[in-house]
């Protein structure tokens, strides 16, 4: 199962979770942050960055931009 970290850019806070996929991770983080999160882009700078890990210590997709919708 992949592990995800969500960096809250404004505060530098990092949230962590194990989830089945990116959408599941965004739902978990969105619930904690009390907002809906999406991978669909906007023209502004992303307020969050998602990091995806496998069971090994190697990055899969570092710094995926995440937006509020």
N, C-alpha and C. Protein backbone atom coordinates (compact mmCIF):
# COMPACT_ATOMS: atom_id res chain seq x y z
N UNK A 1 0.84 -1.17 0.00
CA UNK A 1 0.00 0.00 0.00
C UNK A 1 0.90 1.25 0.00
N UNK A 2 0.64 2.19 -0.89
CA UNK A 2 1.46 3.40 -0.92
C UNK A 2 1.25 4.28 0.31
N UNK A 3 2.25 5.05 0.62
CA UNK A 3 2.19 6.03 1.70
C UNK A 3 2.25 7.41 1.09
N UNK A 4 1.52 8.35 1.68
CA UNK A 4 1.43 9.69 1.13
C UNK A 4 1.74 10.72 2.21
N UNK A 5 2.44 11.76 1.81
CA UNK A 5 2.65 12.93 2.64
C UNK A 5 2.04 14.10 1.91
N UNK A 6 1.36 14.96 2.63
CA UNK A 6 0.80 16.18 2.07
C UNK A 6 1.44 17.36 2.77
N UNK A 7 2.18 18.17 2.03
CA UNK A 7 2.80 19.37 2.58
C UNK A 7 1.82 20.52 2.42
N UNK A 8 1.47 21.15 3.54
CA UNK A 8 0.63 22.35 3.52
C UNK A 8 1.59 23.52 3.34
N UNK A 9 1.63 24.08 2.14
CA UNK A 9 2.64 25.06 1.77
C UNK A 9 2.61 26.29 2.68
N UNK A 10 1.43 26.76 3.03
CA UNK A 10 1.32 27.99 3.82
C UNK A 10 1.93 27.87 5.21
N UNK A 11 1.80 26.73 5.82
CA UNK A 11 2.26 26.57 7.21
C UNK A 11 3.49 25.67 7.34
N UNK A 12 3.81 24.92 6.29
CA UNK A 12 4.91 23.98 6.36
C UNK A 12 4.55 22.71 7.11
N UNK A 13 3.27 22.53 7.46
CA UNK A 13 2.81 21.33 8.16
C UNK A 13 2.77 20.15 7.18
N UNK A 14 3.13 18.97 7.66
CA UNK A 14 3.10 17.77 6.82
C UNK A 14 2.13 16.77 7.44
N UNK A 15 1.18 16.28 6.61
CA UNK A 15 0.25 15.23 7.01
C UNK A 15 0.69 13.94 6.33
N UNK A 16 0.52 12.81 7.00
CA UNK A 16 0.94 11.52 6.45
C UNK A 16 -0.19 10.50 6.57
N UNK A 17 -0.29 9.61 5.57
CA UNK A 17 -1.31 8.56 5.60
C UNK A 17 -0.91 7.43 4.66
N UNK A 18 -1.37 6.24 4.98
CA UNK A 18 -1.31 5.12 4.04
C UNK A 18 -2.67 5.05 3.37
N UNK A 19 -2.69 4.88 2.06
CA UNK A 19 -3.96 4.86 1.34
C UNK A 19 -3.82 3.96 0.12
N UNK A 20 -4.94 3.49 -0.38
CA UNK A 20 -4.93 2.59 -1.53
C UNK A 20 -4.51 3.27 -2.82
N UNK A 21 -4.81 4.57 -2.96
CA UNK A 21 -4.44 5.32 -4.15
C UNK A 21 -4.46 6.81 -3.83
N UNK A 22 -4.12 7.63 -4.82
CA UNK A 22 -4.04 9.07 -4.61
C UNK A 22 -5.38 9.69 -4.21
N UNK A 23 -6.45 9.25 -4.87
CA UNK A 23 -7.77 9.81 -4.56
C UNK A 23 -8.17 9.51 -3.12
N UNK A 24 -7.90 8.30 -2.66
CA UNK A 24 -8.20 7.93 -1.28
C UNK A 24 -7.39 8.80 -0.32
N UNK A 25 -6.11 9.01 -0.64
CA UNK A 25 -5.26 9.87 0.20
C UNK A 25 -5.80 11.29 0.24
N UNK A 26 -6.22 11.84 -0.91
CA UNK A 26 -6.77 13.19 -0.94
C UNK A 26 -8.05 13.30 -0.11
N UNK A 27 -8.87 12.24 -0.13
CA UNK A 27 -10.08 12.24 0.71
C UNK A 27 -9.72 12.25 2.19
N UNK A 28 -8.72 11.46 2.57
CA UNK A 28 -8.29 11.44 3.98
C UNK A 28 -7.74 12.80 4.40
N UNK A 29 -6.85 13.38 3.59
CA UNK A 29 -6.28 14.67 3.93
C UNK A 29 -7.33 15.78 3.89
N UNK A 30 -8.23 15.73 2.93
CA UNK A 30 -9.29 16.73 2.83
C UNK A 30 -10.20 16.71 4.05
N UNK A 31 -10.51 15.52 4.54
CA UNK A 31 -11.33 15.40 5.75
C UNK A 31 -10.62 16.05 6.93
N UNK A 32 -9.32 15.80 7.06
CA UNK A 32 -8.56 16.38 8.16
C UNK A 32 -8.46 17.90 8.04
N UNK A 33 -8.34 18.39 6.80
CA UNK A 33 -8.21 19.84 6.58
C UNK A 33 -9.57 20.52 6.42
N UNK A 34 -10.65 19.73 6.39
CA UNK A 34 -12.01 20.24 6.22
C UNK A 34 -12.18 20.99 4.91
N UNK A 35 -11.66 20.40 3.81
CA UNK A 35 -11.85 20.96 2.47
C UNK A 35 -11.76 19.83 1.46
N UNK A 36 -12.19 20.10 0.23
CA UNK A 36 -12.10 19.11 -0.84
C UNK A 36 -10.82 19.37 -1.62
N UNK A 37 -10.03 18.32 -1.83
CA UNK A 37 -8.75 18.45 -2.53
C UNK A 37 -8.83 17.74 -3.88
N UNK A 38 -8.13 18.28 -4.87
CA UNK A 38 -8.14 17.70 -6.20
C UNK A 38 -6.75 17.81 -6.83
N UNK A 39 -6.48 16.91 -7.77
CA UNK A 39 -5.23 16.97 -8.52
C UNK A 39 -5.36 17.83 -9.77
N UNK A 40 -6.59 18.28 -10.06
CA UNK A 40 -6.82 19.11 -11.24
C UNK A 40 -6.26 20.50 -11.02
N UNK A 41 -5.48 20.97 -11.98
CA UNK A 41 -4.74 22.22 -11.84
C UNK A 41 -5.56 23.49 -11.92
N UNK A 42 -4.96 24.52 -11.40
CA UNK A 42 -5.47 25.88 -11.48
C UNK A 42 -4.30 26.75 -11.91
N UNK A 43 -4.56 28.01 -12.21
CA UNK A 43 -3.48 28.90 -12.64
C UNK A 43 -2.63 29.42 -11.49
N UNK A 44 -3.13 29.32 -10.28
CA UNK A 44 -2.39 29.83 -9.13
C UNK A 44 -1.43 28.76 -8.59
N UNK A 45 -0.55 29.18 -7.71
CA UNK A 45 0.39 28.25 -7.09
C UNK A 45 -0.37 27.25 -6.22
N UNK A 46 0.04 26.00 -6.20
CA UNK A 46 -0.69 25.00 -5.40
C UNK A 46 -0.51 25.25 -3.90
N UNK A 47 -1.59 25.16 -3.11
CA UNK A 47 -1.46 25.32 -1.66
C UNK A 47 -0.94 24.07 -0.96
N UNK A 48 -0.91 22.94 -1.68
CA UNK A 48 -0.46 21.67 -1.11
C UNK A 48 0.41 20.94 -2.13
N UNK A 49 1.32 20.11 -1.62
CA UNK A 49 2.13 19.24 -2.47
C UNK A 49 2.03 17.82 -1.93
N UNK A 50 1.73 16.88 -2.80
CA UNK A 50 1.55 15.48 -2.42
C UNK A 50 2.78 14.68 -2.81
N UNK A 51 3.31 13.91 -1.87
CA UNK A 51 4.41 12.99 -2.14
C UNK A 51 3.88 11.57 -1.98
N UNK A 52 4.23 10.71 -2.93
CA UNK A 52 3.77 9.32 -2.92
C UNK A 52 4.97 8.40 -2.74
N UNK A 53 4.89 7.49 -1.77
CA UNK A 53 5.96 6.54 -1.48
C UNK A 53 5.44 5.13 -1.66
N UNK A 54 6.35 4.22 -2.03
CA UNK A 54 6.03 2.79 -1.98
C UNK A 54 6.65 2.26 -0.69
N UNK A 55 6.69 0.96 -0.52
CA UNK A 55 7.26 0.38 0.69
C UNK A 55 8.77 0.55 0.73
N UNK A 56 9.39 0.91 -0.38
CA UNK A 56 10.82 1.18 -0.39
C UNK A 56 11.05 2.68 -0.12
N UNK A 57 12.26 3.09 0.17
CA UNK A 57 12.51 4.50 0.49
C UNK A 57 12.65 5.40 -0.73
N UNK A 58 12.25 4.94 -1.91
CA UNK A 58 12.43 5.73 -3.13
C UNK A 58 11.15 6.47 -3.49
N UNK A 59 11.32 7.70 -3.96
CA UNK A 59 10.17 8.51 -4.39
C UNK A 59 9.57 7.94 -5.66
N UNK A 60 8.26 8.00 -5.77
CA UNK A 60 7.58 7.64 -7.02
C UNK A 60 7.22 8.92 -7.78
N UNK A 61 6.46 9.79 -7.16
CA UNK A 61 6.03 11.04 -7.78
C UNK A 61 6.16 12.18 -6.77
N UNK A 62 7.34 12.71 -6.60
CA UNK A 62 7.49 13.79 -5.62
C UNK A 62 6.81 15.07 -6.08
N UNK A 63 6.26 15.79 -5.14
CA UNK A 63 5.73 17.13 -5.36
C UNK A 63 4.64 17.21 -6.43
N UNK A 64 3.60 16.43 -6.27
CA UNK A 64 2.42 16.51 -7.15
C UNK A 64 1.58 17.68 -6.62
N UNK A 65 1.28 18.68 -7.45
CA UNK A 65 0.48 19.80 -6.96
C UNK A 65 -0.96 19.39 -6.66
N UNK A 66 -1.48 19.87 -5.55
CA UNK A 66 -2.84 19.59 -5.10
C UNK A 66 -3.53 20.93 -4.84
N UNK A 67 -4.80 21.01 -5.24
CA UNK A 67 -5.57 22.25 -5.14
C UNK A 67 -6.84 22.05 -4.33
N UNK A 68 -7.38 23.12 -3.80
CA UNK A 68 -8.69 23.09 -3.14
C UNK A 68 -9.74 23.36 -4.20
N UNK A 69 -10.88 22.68 -4.10
CA UNK A 69 -11.96 22.96 -5.04
C UNK A 69 -13.26 23.18 -4.30
